[in-house]
PDB file of N, CA and C in Angstrom:
ATOM      1  N   MET A   1     176.462 178.508  43.438  1.00  0.00           N
ATOM      2  CA  MET A   1     175.344 178.181  43.909  1.00  0.00           C
ATOM      3  C   MET A   1     174.484 178.985  42.003  1.00  0.00           C
ATOM      4  N   GLY A   2     175.139 179.863  41.252  1.00  0.00           N
ATOM      5  CA  GLY A   2     174.752 180.282  40.529  1.00  0.00           C
ATOM      6  C   GLY A   2     174.422 178.776  39.631  1.00  0.00           C
ATOM      7  N   VAL A   3     175.427 178.202  39.219  1.00  0.00           N
ATOM      8  CA  VAL A   3     175.883 177.055  38.406  1.00  0.00           C
ATOM      9  C   VAL A   3     174.800 176.202  38.639  1.00  0.00           C
ATOM     10  N   LEU A   4     174.244 175.790  40.114  1.00  0.00           N
ATOM     11  CA  LEU A   4     173.761 174.611  40.563  1.00  0.00           C
ATOM     12  C   LEU A   4     172.434 175.416  40.145  1.00  0.00           C
ATOM     13  N   LEU A   5     172.150 176.425  40.286  1.00  0.00           N
ATOM     14  CA  LEU A   5     170.500 176.781  39.772  1.00  0.00           C
ATOM     15  C   LEU A   5     170.103 177.250  38.584  1.00  0.00           C
ATOM     16  N   TYR A   6     171.381 177.208  38.025  1.00  0.00           N
ATOM     17  CA  TYR A   6     171.161 177.192  36.548  1.00  0.00           C
ATOM     18  C   TYR A   6     170.876 175.987  35.541  1.00  0.00           C
ATOM     19  N   LEU A   7     171.616 174.602  36.725  1.00  0.00           N
ATOM     20  CA  LEU A   7     171.688 173.411  35.899  1.00  0.00           C
ATOM     21  C   LEU A   7     170.277 172.755  36.572  1.00  0.00           C
ATOM     22  N   MET A   8     169.648 173.609  37.707  1.00  0.00           N
ATOM     23  CA  MET A   8     168.138 172.972  38.267  1.00  0.00           C
ATOM     24  C   MET A   8     167.132 173.354  37.122  1.00  0.00           C
ATOM     25  N   ILE A   9     167.507 174.877  36.446  1.00  0.00           N
ATOM     26  CA  ILE A   9     166.369 174.985  35.387  1.00  0.00           C
ATOM     27  C   ILE A   9     166.381 175.144  34.381  1.00  0.00           C
ATOM     28  N   TYR A  10     167.818 174.814  33.669  1.00  0.00           N
ATOM     29  CA  TYR A  10     167.560 174.519  32.273  1.00  0.00           C
ATOM     30  C   TYR A  10     168.260 172.766  32.335  1.00  0.00           C
ATOM     31  N   GLY A  11     169.055 172.379  33.467  1.00  0.00           N
ATOM     32  CA  GLY A  11     169.372 170.926  32.778  1.00  0.00           C
ATOM     33  C   GLY A  11     170.383 170.559  32.320  1.00  0.00           C
ATOM     34  N   VAL A  12     171.512 171.609  31.961  1.00  0.00           N
ATOM     35  CA  VAL A  12     172.549 171.538  31.295  1.00  0.00           C
ATOM     36  C   VAL A  12     173.458 172.924  32.307  1.00  0.00           C
ATOM     37  N   TYR A  13     175.127 172.761  32.087  1.00  0.00           N
ATOM     38  CA  TYR A  13     175.896 173.563  33.196  1.00  0.00           C
ATOM     39  C   TYR A  13     176.068 174.851  31.891  1.00  0.00           C
ATOM     40  N   PRO A  14     176.082 176.137  32.547  1.00  0.00           N
ATOM     41  CA  PRO A  14     176.006 177.063  31.956  1.00  0.00           C
ATOM     42  C   PRO A  14     177.420 177.054  30.787  1.00  0.00           C
ATOM     43  N   PHE A  15     178.107 176.424  31.243  1.00  0.00           N
ATOM     44  CA  PHE A  15     179.645 176.706  30.540  1.00  0.00           C
ATOM     45  C   PHE A  15     179.919 175.363  30.172  1.00  0.00           C
ATOM     46  N   GLU A  16     180.432 174.598  29.041  1.00  0.00           N
ATOM     47  CA  GLU A  16     180.509 173.338  29.023  1.00  0.00           C
ATOM     48  C   GLU A  16     181.979 173.425  27.816  1.00  0.00           C
ATOM     49  N   GLY A  17     182.637 172.276  28.042  1.00  0.00           N
ATOM     50  CA  GLY A  17     183.843 172.385  26.760  1.00  0.00           C
ATOM     51  C   GLY A  17     184.160 171.052  26.919  1.00  0.00           C
ATOM     52  N   GLU A  18     185.310 171.001  25.852  1.00  0.00           N
ATOM     53  CA  GLU A  18     185.787 169.588  25.683  1.00  0.00           C
ATOM     54  C   GLU A  18     186.818 168.987  26.864  1.00  0.00           C
ATOM     55  N   ASN A  19     187.033 169.953  27.075  1.00  0.00           N
ATOM     56  CA  ASN A  19     188.332 169.704  28.584  1.00  0.00           C
ATOM     57  C   ASN A  19     188.021 170.824  29.900  1.00  0.00           C
ATOM     58  N   ASP A  20     188.784 170.517  30.526  1.00  0.00           N
ATOM     59  CA  ASP A  20     188.679 171.191  31.753  1.00  0.00           C
ATOM     60  C   ASP A  20     189.120 172.995  31.801  1.00  0.00           C
ATOM     61  N   LYS A  21     189.958 173.225  30.855  1.00  0.00           N
ATOM     62  CA  LYS A  21     190.901 174.222  30.359  1.00  0.00           C
ATOM     63  C   LYS A  21     189.901 174.761  29.518  1.00  0.00           C
ATOM     64  N   GLU A  22     188.788 174.349  28.704  1.00  0.00           N
ATOM     65  CA  GLU A  22     187.865 174.800  28.081  1.00  0.00           C
ATOM     66  C   GLU A  22     187.131 175.597  28.605  1.00  0.00           C
ATOM     67  N   ILE A  23     186.726 174.656  29.764  1.00  0.00           N
ATOM     68  CA  ILE A  23     185.355 175.177  30.358  1.00  0.00           C
ATOM     69  C   ILE A  23     185.725 176.385  31.366  1.00  0.00           C
ATOM     70  N   ILE A  24     187.085 176.473  32.031  1.00  0.00           N
ATOM     71  CA  ILE A  24     187.601 177.385  32.604  1.00  0.00           C
ATOM     72  C   ILE A  24     187.839 178.863  31.827  1.00  0.00           C
ATOM     73  N   ARG A  25     187.932 178.976  30.357  1.00  0.00           N
ATOM     74  CA  ARG A  25     188.066 179.376  29.428  1.00  0.00           C
ATOM     75  C   ARG A  25     186.921 180.521  29.533  1.00  0.00           C
ATOM     76  N   LYS A  26     185.977 179.310  29.194  1.00  0.00           N
ATOM     77  CA  LYS A  26     184.410 180.325  29.298  1.00  0.00           C
ATOM     78  C   LYS A  26     183.687 180.959  30.168  1.00  0.00           C
ATOM     79  N   ILE A  27     184.388 180.331  31.135  1.00  0.00           N
ATOM     80  CA  ILE A  27     183.745 180.496  32.704  1.00  0.00           C
ATOM     81  C   ILE A  27     184.668 182.423  32.728  1.00  0.00           C
ATOM     82  N   LYS A  28     185.747 182.521  32.193  1.00  0.00           N
ATOM     83  CA  LYS A  28     186.484 183.668  32.340  1.00  0.00           C
ATOM     84  C   LYS A  28     185.670 184.862  31.642  1.00  0.00           C
ATOM     85  N   LYS A  29     185.806 184.208  30.300  1.00  0.00           N
ATOM     86  CA  LYS A  29     185.575 184.896  29.166  1.00  0.00           C
ATOM     87  C   LYS A  29     183.982 185.055  28.298  1.00  0.00           C
ATOM     88  N   GLU A  30     183.532 184.256  28.760  1.00  0.00           N
ATOM     89  CA  GLU A  30     182.057 183.941  28.290  1.00  0.00           C
ATOM     90  C   GLU A  30     180.906 184.517  29.004  1.00  0.00           C
ATOM     91  N   GLU A  31     179.822 184.630  28.227  1.00  0.00           N
ATOM     92  CA  GLU A  31     178.591 185.075  29.080  1.00  0.00           C
ATOM     93  C   GLU A  31     177.766 183.643  28.851  1.00  0.00           C
ATOM     94  N   PRO A  32     177.045 183.134  29.837  1.00  0.00           N
ATOM     95  CA  PRO A  32     176.306 181.809  29.617  1.00  0.00           C
ATOM     96  C   PRO A  32     175.033 182.371  28.886  1.00  0.00           C
ATOM     97  N   LYS A  33     174.501 181.441  28.003  1.00  0.00           N
ATOM     98  CA  LYS A  33     173.284 181.568  27.030  1.00  0.00           C
ATOM     99  C   LYS A  33     172.233 180.828  27.810  1.00  0.00           C
ATOM    100  N   TYR A  34     171.295 181.805  27.618  1.00  0.00           N
ATOM    101  CA  TYR A  34     169.733 181.509  28.492  1.00  0.00           C
ATOM    102  C   TYR A  34     169.050 180.885  27.112  1.00  0.00           C
ATOM    103  N   PRO A  35     168.354 179.424  27.306  1.00  0.00           N
ATOM    104  CA  PRO A  35     167.733 178.844  26.293  1.00  0.00           C
ATOM    105  C   PRO A  35     166.347 179.559  26.426  1.00  0.00           C
ATOM    106  N   SER A  36     166.045 179.804  25.221  1.00  0.00           N
ATOM    107  CA  SER A  36     164.563 180.280  25.016  1.00  0.00           C
ATOM    108  C   SER A  36     163.271 179.478  24.848  1.00  0.00           C
ATOM    109  N   ASN A  37     163.685 178.052  25.114  1.00  0.00           N
ATOM    110  CA  ASN A  37     162.529 176.854  25.164  1.00  0.00           C
ATOM    111  C   ASN A  37     162.462 176.546  26.647  1.00  0.00           C
ATOM    112  N   VAL A  38     162.614 177.486  27.696  1.00  0.00           N
ATOM    113  CA  VAL A  38     162.592 177.255  29.198  1.00  0.00           C
ATOM    114  C   VAL A  38     162.169 178.828  29.602  1.00  0.00           C
ATOM    115  N   GLU A  39     161.161 178.507  29.782  1.00  0.00           N
ATOM    116  CA  GLU A  39     160.333 179.801  30.351  1.00  0.00           C
ATOM    117  C   GLU A  39     160.673 180.095  31.793  1.00  0.00           C
ATOM    118  N   ILE A  40     161.339 181.144  32.269  1.00  0.00           N
ATOM    119  CA  ILE A  40     161.743 181.061  33.554  1.00  0.00           C
ATOM    120  C   ILE A  40     160.933 182.567  33.870  1.00  0.00           C
ATOM    121  N   SER A  41     160.818 183.404  35.224  1.00  0.00           N
ATOM    122  CA  SER A  41     160.315 184.814  35.655  1.00  0.00           C
ATOM    123  C   SER A  41     161.570 185.464  35.204  1.00  0.00           C
ATOM    124  N   LEU A  42     161.288 186.937  35.398  1.00  0.00           N
ATOM    125  CA  LEU A  42     162.686 187.978  35.374  1.00  0.00           C
ATOM    126  C   LEU A  42     163.288 187.492  36.144  1.00  0.00           C
ATOM    127  N   ASN A  43     163.048 187.584  37.805  1.00  0.00           N
ATOM    128  CA  ASN A  43     163.387 187.429  38.926  1.00  0.00           C
ATOM    129  C   ASN A  43     164.411 186.424  38.653  1.00  0.00           C
ATOM    130  N   CYS A  44     164.056 185.546  38.369  1.00  0.00           N
ATOM    131  CA  CYS A  44     164.861 184.029  38.220  1.00  0.00           C
ATOM    132  C   CYS A  44     165.811 184.549  37.295  1.00  0.00           C
ATOM    133  N   LYS A  45     165.746 184.502  36.054  1.00  0.00           N
ATOM    134  CA  LYS A  45     166.769 184.722  35.028  1.00  0.00           C
ATOM    135  C   LYS A  45     167.793 186.153  35.662  1.00  0.00           C
ATOM    136  N   LEU A  46     167.503 187.317  36.156  1.00  0.00           N
ATOM    137  CA  LEU A  46     168.107 187.848  37.098  1.00  0.00           C
ATOM    138  C   LEU A  46     168.884 187.601  38.278  1.00  0.00           C
ATOM    139  N   LEU A  47     168.236 186.498  39.038  1.00  0.00           N
ATOM    140  CA  LEU A  47     168.881 186.266  40.045  1.00  0.00           C
ATOM    141  C   LEU A  47     170.384 185.165  39.318  1.00  0.00           C
ATOM    142  N   ILE A  48     169.969 184.255  38.514  1.00  0.00           N
ATOM    143  CA  ILE A  48     170.920 183.868  37.896  1.00  0.00           C
ATOM    144  C   ILE A  48     172.177 184.410  37.185  1.00  0.00           C
ATOM    145  N   GLN A  49     171.992 185.111  36.832  1.00  0.00           N
ATOM    146  CA  GLN A  49     172.707 186.376  35.970  1.00  0.00           C
ATOM    147  C   GLN A  49     173.393 187.188  36.903  1.00  0.00           C
ATOM    148  N   GLY A  50     173.243 187.676  38.160  1.00  0.00           N
ATOM    149  CA  GLY A  50     173.931 187.865  39.333  1.00  0.00           C
ATOM    150  C   GLY A  50     174.574 187.154  39.772  1.00  0.00           C
ATOM    151  N   MET A  51     174.173 186.038  40.303  1.00  0.00           N
ATOM    152  CA  MET A  51     175.090 184.675  40.871  1.00  0.00           C
ATOM    153  C   MET A  51     175.939 184.104  40.004  1.00  0.00           C
ATOM    154  N   LEU A  52     176.243 184.559  38.472  1.00  0.00           N
ATOM    155  CA  LEU A  52     177.106 184.170  37.706  1.00  0.00           C
ATOM    156  C   LEU A  52     177.960 184.855  37.118  1.00  0.00           C
ATOM    157  N   GLU A  53     177.871 186.214  37.956  1.00  0.00           N
ATOM    158  CA  GLU A  53     178.689 187.690  37.441  1.00  0.00           C
ATOM    159  C   GLU A  53     179.997 187.589  37.691  1.00  0.00           C
ATOM    160  N   LYS A  54     180.717 187.532  36.467  1.00  0.00           N
ATOM    161  CA  LYS A  54     182.310 187.264  36.743  1.00  0.00           C
ATOM    162  C   LYS A  54     182.798 188.091  38.088  1.00  0.00           C
ATOM    163  N   ASN A  55     182.532 189.500  38.231  1.00  0.00           N
ATOM    164  CA  ASN A  55     183.299 190.410  39.165  1.00  0.00           C
ATOM    165  C   ASN A  55     182.473 189.827  40.254  1.00  0.00           C
ATOM    166  N   GLN A  56     183.526 189.131  41.636  1.00  0.00           N
ATOM    167  CA  GLN A  56     182.959 188.845  42.682  1.00  0.00           C
ATOM    168  C   GLN A  56     182.568 189.644  43.557  1.00  0.00           C
ATOM    169  N   HIS A  57     182.868 190.977  43.534  1.00  0.00           N
ATOM    170  CA  HIS A  57     182.314 191.897  44.362  1.00  0.00           C
ATOM    171  C   HIS A  57     180.908 192.643  44.052  1.00  0.00           C
ATOM    172  N   CYS A  58     180.464 191.873  42.909  1.00  0.00           N
ATOM    173  CA  CYS A  58     179.253 192.840  42.026  1.00  0.00           C
ATOM    174  C   CYS A  58     178.131 191.072  42.400  1.00  0.00           C
ATOM    175  N   ARG A  59     178.689 190.131  42.926  1.00  0.00           N
ATOM    176  CA  ARG A  59     178.156 189.180  42.379  1.00  0.00           C
ATOM    177  C   ARG A  59     176.757 188.850  43.650  1.00  0.00           C
ATOM    178  N   ILE A  60     175.991 188.326  43.130  1.00  0.00           N
ATOM    179  CA  ILE A  60     174.748 188.077  44.440  1.00  0.00           C
ATOM    180  C   ILE A  60     174.982 186.897  44.805  1.00  0.00           C
ATOM    181  N   ASP A  61     174.458 186.998  46.284  1.00  0.00           N
ATOM    182  CA  ASP A  61     174.881 185.632  47.214  1.00  0.00           C
ATOM    183  C   ASP A  61     173.091 185.840  47.736  1.00  0.00           C
ATOM    184  N   LEU A  62     173.245 184.677  48.322  1.00  0.00           N
ATOM    185  CA  LEU A  62     171.994 183.981  48.945  1.00  0.00           C
ATOM    186  C   LEU A  62     171.278 185.277  50.282  1.00  0.00           C
ATOM    187  N   SER A  63     172.017 186.290  50.539  1.00  0.00           N
ATOM    188  CA  SER A  63     171.400 187.310  51.091  1.00  0.00           C
ATOM    189  C   SER A  63     171.141 188.604  50.495  1.00  0.00           C
ATOM    190  N   ASP A  64     170.764 188.800  49.182  1.00  0.00           N
ATOM    191  CA  ASP A  64     170.726 189.437  48.305  1.00  0.00           C
ATOM    192  C   ASP A  64     169.068 189.558  48.361  1.00  0.00           C
ATOM    193  N   PRO A  65     168.454 190.731  48.553  1.00  0.00           N
ATOM    194  CA  PRO A  65     167.172 190.976  48.227  1.00  0.00           C
ATOM    195  C   PRO A  65     166.260 190.362  46.970  1.00  0.00           C
ATOM    196  N   LEU A  66     167.136 190.367  45.565  1.00  0.00           N
ATOM    197  CA  LEU A  66     166.501 189.558  44.728  1.00  0.00           C
ATOM    198  C   LEU A  66     166.083 187.908  45.183  1.00  0.00           C
ATOM    199  N   PHE A  67     167.311 187.782  45.613  1.00  0.00           N
ATOM    200  CA  PHE A  67     167.273 186.062  45.935  1.00  0.00           C
ATOM    201  C   PHE A  67     165.858 185.821  46.702  1.00  0.00           C
ATOM    202  N   ASP A  68     165.653 186.985  47.838  1.00  0.00           N
ATOM    203  CA  ASP A  68     164.971 186.620  48.414  1.00  0.00           C
ATOM    204  C   ASP A  68     163.296 186.803  47.601  1.00  0.00           C
ATOM    205  N   LYS A  69     163.140 187.862  46.987  1.00  0.00           N
ATOM    206  CA  LYS A  69     162.196 188.389  46.304  1.00  0.00           C
ATOM    207  C   LYS A  69     161.740 186.790  44.964  1.00  0.00           C
ATOM    208  N   TRP A  70     162.892 186.072  44.573  1.00  0.00           N
ATOM    209  CA  TRP A  70     162.720 185.143  43.774  1.00  0.00           C
ATOM    210  C   TRP A  70     161.875 183.867  44.675  1.00  0.00           C
ATOM    211  N   TYR A  71     163.108 183.790  45.702  1.00  0.00           N
ATOM    212  CA  TYR A  71     162.451 182.531  46.578  1.00  0.00           C
ATOM    213  C   TYR A  71     161.051 182.545  46.904  1.00  0.00           C
ATOM    214  N   LYS A  72     160.405 184.269  47.365  1.00  0.00           N
ATOM    215  CA  LYS A  72     158.991 184.008  48.027  1.00  0.00           C
ATOM    216  C   LYS A  72     157.749 183.896  46.884  1.00  0.00           C
ATOM    217  N   GLY A  73     158.621 184.082  45.153  1.00  0.00           N
ATOM    218  CA  GLY A  73     157.785 183.837  44.128  1.00  0.00           C
ATOM    219  C   GLY A  73     157.217 185.372  43.693  1.00  0.00           C
ATOM    220  N   GLU A  74     157.944 186.675  44.038  1.00  0.00           N
ATOM    221  CA  GLU A  74     157.487 187.822  44.008  1.00  0.00           C
ATOM    222  C   GLU A  74     157.948 188.253  42.637  1.00  0.00           C
ATOM    223  N   GLU A  75     157.049 189.194  41.781  1.00  0.00           N
ATOM    224  CA  GLU A  75     157.391 189.162  40.327  1.00  0.00           C
ATOM    225  C   GLU A  75     157.891 190.869  40.658  1.00  0.00           C
TER     226      GLU A  75
END
């Protein structure tokens, strides 16, 4: 879900590479970059960061209160 939200907001994937192996390495080792030319709310950025969290036990899902705040447009 985080990848899809990132793609909808920024128009590019959070992890890109020349091949699948490179993309998988970036997913495991690198943090996504958040382009400064797209203005988003703090809640939206926190939601994307939480959905792209590498530790699956800490990852935000659709039941998280932060998702609800973002969805309702609360800052």
